[in-house]
């Protein structure tokens, strides 16, 4: 299993566009020893050819540019991204999906609660259906229920429900449900190594 951290900053990135704290200001001025960071997202591969994207941040285009293995290489229109796993329906984890609208139908894995929010409160899935289409795969949240993903069949994923609120636009923002937010356990079936 190969893991690439595409972005490690919170929503807004680092420095955050509207923040003038000592660290954000220092990064802009070069007076703080830190590097700018894009918003949180990772990519995982079981074979170094096909990749699974975890979350699609608004910074996705910069992340693709910085990681050539996800760029076109095999055909005129191409990407090594075979599927996308969403950990929740937050804007900073889903807006990047719009950048993938020019490709084939997106293979998207998320919980039923995230799908509900992305078809009602923020109808992103409905919009993408008009461009590239979506093949939705439900992520099970029952304990110990492993599932495969397209492009990394050698890996077994297990969702871990987290206690946290749904996005601000969700109809049930103040009434959290299981599946609003998940963590992910990823097991390499060949080596038995695990990532959480």
Protein backbone atom coordinates (compact mmCIF):
# COMPACT_ATOMS: atom_id res chain seq x y z
CA UNK A 1 0.00 0.00 0.00
CA UNK A 2 1.31 3.43 -0.93
CA UNK A 3 -0.07 6.58 0.70
CA UNK A 4 0.35 10.12 -0.57
CA UNK A 5 -0.72 13.05 1.60
CA UNK A 6 -2.03 15.55 -0.94
CA UNK A 7 -3.04 18.17 1.62
CA UNK A 8 -2.86 18.39 5.39
CA UNK A 9 -4.38 21.76 6.29
CA UNK A 10 -7.84 22.46 7.65
CA UNK A 11 -10.56 24.17 5.62
CA UNK A 12 -9.15 27.29 3.98
CA UNK A 13 -5.61 25.89 3.73
CA UNK A 14 -2.50 27.31 5.33
CA UNK A 15 -2.05 30.19 5.31
CA UNK A 16 -5.78 30.66 5.43
CA UNK A 17 -6.86 33.30 2.93
CA UNK A 18 -8.52 35.55 5.52
CA UNK A 19 -6.27 34.94 8.53
CA UNK A 20 -3.65 37.32 9.80
CA UNK A 21 -2.48 35.32 12.82
CA UNK A 22 1.23 35.21 13.53
CA UNK A 23 1.70 31.93 11.62
CA UNK A 24 -0.38 32.75 8.52
CA UNK A 25 1.14 36.23 8.29
CA UNK A 26 4.62 34.81 8.85
CA UNK A 27 4.26 32.25 6.05
CA UNK A 28 3.16 34.97 3.63
CA UNK A 29 6.09 37.22 4.63
CA UNK A 30 8.62 34.38 4.89
CA UNK A 31 9.38 35.20 8.54
CA UNK A 32 8.05 31.89 9.91
CA UNK A 33 9.75 28.62 9.07
CA UNK A 34 6.75 26.74 7.72
CA UNK A 35 5.42 25.64 4.34
CA UNK A 36 2.08 26.50 2.83
CA UNK A 37 -0.37 23.58 2.87
CA UNK A 38 -3.41 22.69 0.81
CA UNK A 39 -6.61 21.39 2.38
CA UNK A 40 -6.87 17.82 3.67
CA UNK A 41 -6.91 14.95 1.19
CA UNK A 42 -4.92 11.77 0.63
CA UNK A 43 -4.48 9.27 -2.20
CA UNK A 44 -3.81 5.55 -1.73
CA UNK A 45 -2.65 2.94 -4.21
CA UNK A 46 -2.27 -0.81 -3.97
CA UNK A 47 -0.27 -1.08 -7.22
CA UNK A 48 1.33 2.35 -7.87
CA UNK A 49 -0.84 2.69 -11.01
CA UNK A 50 -4.45 3.02 -9.82
CA UNK A 51 -5.28 5.46 -7.03
CA UNK A 52 -8.15 6.04 -4.61
CA UNK A 53 -8.75 9.64 -3.59
CA UNK A 54 -9.92 10.26 -0.01
CA UNK A 55 -11.87 13.53 -0.01
CA UNK A 56 -11.73 16.03 -2.85
CA UNK A 57 -10.65 19.37 -1.48
CA UNK A 58 -11.14 22.73 -3.21
CA UNK A 59 -7.34 22.61 -3.75
CA UNK A 60 -7.58 19.46 -5.88
CA UNK A 61 -6.15 21.03 -9.05
CA UNK A 62 -3.02 22.19 -7.19
CA UNK A 63 -2.74 18.76 -5.56
CA UNK A 64 -2.97 17.00 -8.94
CA UNK A 65 -0.34 19.33 -10.37
CA UNK A 66 2.00 18.54 -7.46
CA UNK A 67 1.60 14.75 -7.82
CA UNK A 68 2.28 13.63 -11.42
CA UNK A 69 1.12 10.05 -10.79
CA UNK A 70 -2.49 11.28 -10.77
CA UNK A 71 -2.09 13.24 -14.02
CA UNK A 72 -2.93 12.04 -17.55
CA UNK A 73 -0.41 9.47 -18.75
CA UNK A 74 -2.19 6.65 -20.54
CA UNK A 75 -4.57 8.44 -22.91
CA UNK A 76 -5.50 11.91 -24.19
CA UNK A 77 -8.11 12.33 -21.41
CA UNK A 78 -7.06 10.36 -18.37
CA UNK A 79 -6.37 10.19 -14.66
CA UNK A 80 -5.09 7.49 -12.34
CA UNK A 81 -7.93 8.26 -9.90
CA UNK A 82 -10.19 5.21 -10.06
CA UNK A 83 -12.50 6.02 -7.17
CA UNK A 84 -13.18 8.61 -4.49
CA UNK A 85 -14.01 7.96 -0.83
CA UNK A 86 -15.70 10.80 1.06
CA UNK A 87 -15.31 10.90 4.83
CA UNK A 88 -18.23 13.31 5.17
CA UNK A 89 -20.17 15.85 3.10
CA UNK A 90 -18.33 18.99 4.25
CA UNK A 91 -17.63 21.60 1.57
CA UNK A 92 -13.86 21.40 2.13
CA UNK A 93 -13.96 17.64 1.42
CA UNK A 94 -16.28 17.66 -1.61
CA UNK A 95 -15.86 20.86 -3.65
CA UNK A 96 -12.95 19.35 -5.60
CA UNK A 97 -15.39 16.88 -7.17
CA UNK A 98 -16.44 19.72 -9.47
CA UNK A 99 -12.92 19.74 -10.94
CA UNK A 100 -13.36 16.08 -11.95
CA UNK A 101 -16.58 16.76 -13.89
CA UNK A 102 -14.87 16.52 -17.30
CA UNK A 103 -14.01 12.84 -16.96
CA UNK A 104 -15.81 9.53 -16.88
CA UNK A 105 -18.58 8.82 -14.36
CA UNK A 106 -17.16 9.22 -10.86
CA UNK A 107 -17.02 6.13 -8.66
CA UNK A 108 -17.93 7.70 -5.32
CA UNK A 109 -18.02 5.89 -1.97
CA UNK A 110 -19.76 7.57 0.95
CA UNK A 111 -22.31 6.85 3.63
CA UNK A 112 -26.03 7.17 3.02
CA UNK A 113 -26.10 10.26 5.27
CA UNK A 114 -23.35 11.99 3.24
CA UNK A 115 -25.16 11.10 0.01
CA UNK A 116 -28.38 12.55 1.39
CA UNK A 117 -26.66 15.84 2.21
CA UNK A 118 -24.99 15.92 -1.23
CA UNK A 119 -28.30 15.47 -3.02
CA UNK A 120 -30.47 17.79 -0.88
CA UNK A 121 -28.82 20.52 1.26
CA UNK A 122 -25.89 20.85 -1.17
CA UNK A 123 -27.03 19.08 -4.37
CA UNK A 124 -23.52 18.53 -5.69
CA UNK A 125 -24.29 14.98 -6.83
CA UNK A 126 -27.30 16.23 -8.80
CA UNK A 127 -25.10 18.79 -10.59
CA UNK A 128 -22.38 16.24 -11.38
CA UNK A 129 -24.97 13.88 -12.88
CA UNK A 130 -25.43 16.46 -15.66
CA UNK A 131 -21.70 16.50 -16.44
CA UNK A 132 -19.93 13.20 -15.93
CA UNK A 133 -22.38 11.09 -13.95
CA UNK A 134 -21.90 9.37 -10.62
CA UNK A 135 -21.80 5.73 -9.62
CA UNK A 136 -22.56 5.85 -5.89
CA UNK A 137 -21.36 3.02 -3.63
CA UNK A 138 -22.73 2.97 -0.10
CA UNK A 139 -20.14 2.82 2.66
CA UNK A 140 -21.41 0.51 5.40
CA UNK A 141 -21.09 1.85 8.93
CA UNK A 142 -21.80 -1.36 10.83
CA UNK A 143 -18.92 -2.50 13.03
CA UNK A 144 -16.27 -4.59 11.29
CA UNK A 145 -17.90 -4.49 7.85
CA UNK A 146 -15.01 -4.42 5.36
CA UNK A 147 -15.62 -3.32 1.78
CA UNK A 148 -13.50 -3.07 -1.39
CA UNK A 149 -13.09 -0.03 -3.64
CA UNK A 150 -12.62 0.12 -7.39
CA UNK A 151 -8.96 0.55 -8.26
CA UNK A 152 -7.60 -0.92 -5.03
CA UNK A 153 -9.23 -4.32 -4.67
CA UNK A 154 -6.21 -5.57 -2.69
CA UNK A 155 -7.23 -3.24 0.13
CA UNK A 156 -10.07 -3.78 2.60
CA UNK A 157 -11.69 -0.66 4.02
CA UNK A 158 -13.74 -0.38 7.21
CA UNK A 159 -15.67 2.77 8.07
CA UNK A 160 -15.60 3.91 11.69
CA UNK A 161 -18.53 6.23 12.55
CA UNK A 162 -17.43 9.37 14.39
CA UNK A 163 -19.52 11.48 16.71
CA UNK A 164 -19.70 14.84 14.97
CA UNK A 165 -22.19 17.20 13.34
CA UNK A 166 -23.25 17.15 9.71
CA UNK A 167 -22.33 20.16 7.52
CA UNK A 168 -23.98 23.52 8.24
CA UNK A 169 -26.25 23.15 5.18
CA UNK A 170 -27.53 19.71 6.27
CA UNK A 171 -31.23 19.49 7.14
CA UNK A 172 -30.18 17.60 10.30
CA UNK A 173 -27.18 19.74 11.33
CA UNK A 174 -28.36 19.93 14.95
CA UNK A 175 -29.46 16.29 15.07
CA UNK A 176 -26.34 14.21 14.25
CA UNK A 177 -26.79 10.76 12.68
CA UNK A 178 -24.45 7.81 12.36
CA UNK A 179 -22.62 8.21 9.07
CA UNK A 180 -22.44 12.00 9.04
CA UNK A 181 -18.68 11.66 9.63
CA UNK A 182 -16.45 8.61 9.44
CA UNK A 183 -12.87 7.60 10.00
CA UNK A 184 -11.37 4.87 7.82
CA UNK A 185 -9.37 1.76 8.59
CA UNK A 186 -7.52 0.44 5.54
CA UNK A 187 -5.99 -3.05 5.56
CA UNK A 188 -3.63 -4.34 2.90
CA UNK A 189 -4.79 -7.92 2.32
CA UNK A 190 -1.32 -8.99 1.11
CA UNK A 191 0.85 -7.61 3.90
CA UNK A 192 -1.82 -7.30 6.65
CA UNK A 193 -0.51 -3.78 7.36
CA UNK A 194 -3.16 -1.32 8.54
CA UNK A 195 -3.64 2.43 8.20
CA UNK A 196 -6.24 4.44 10.08
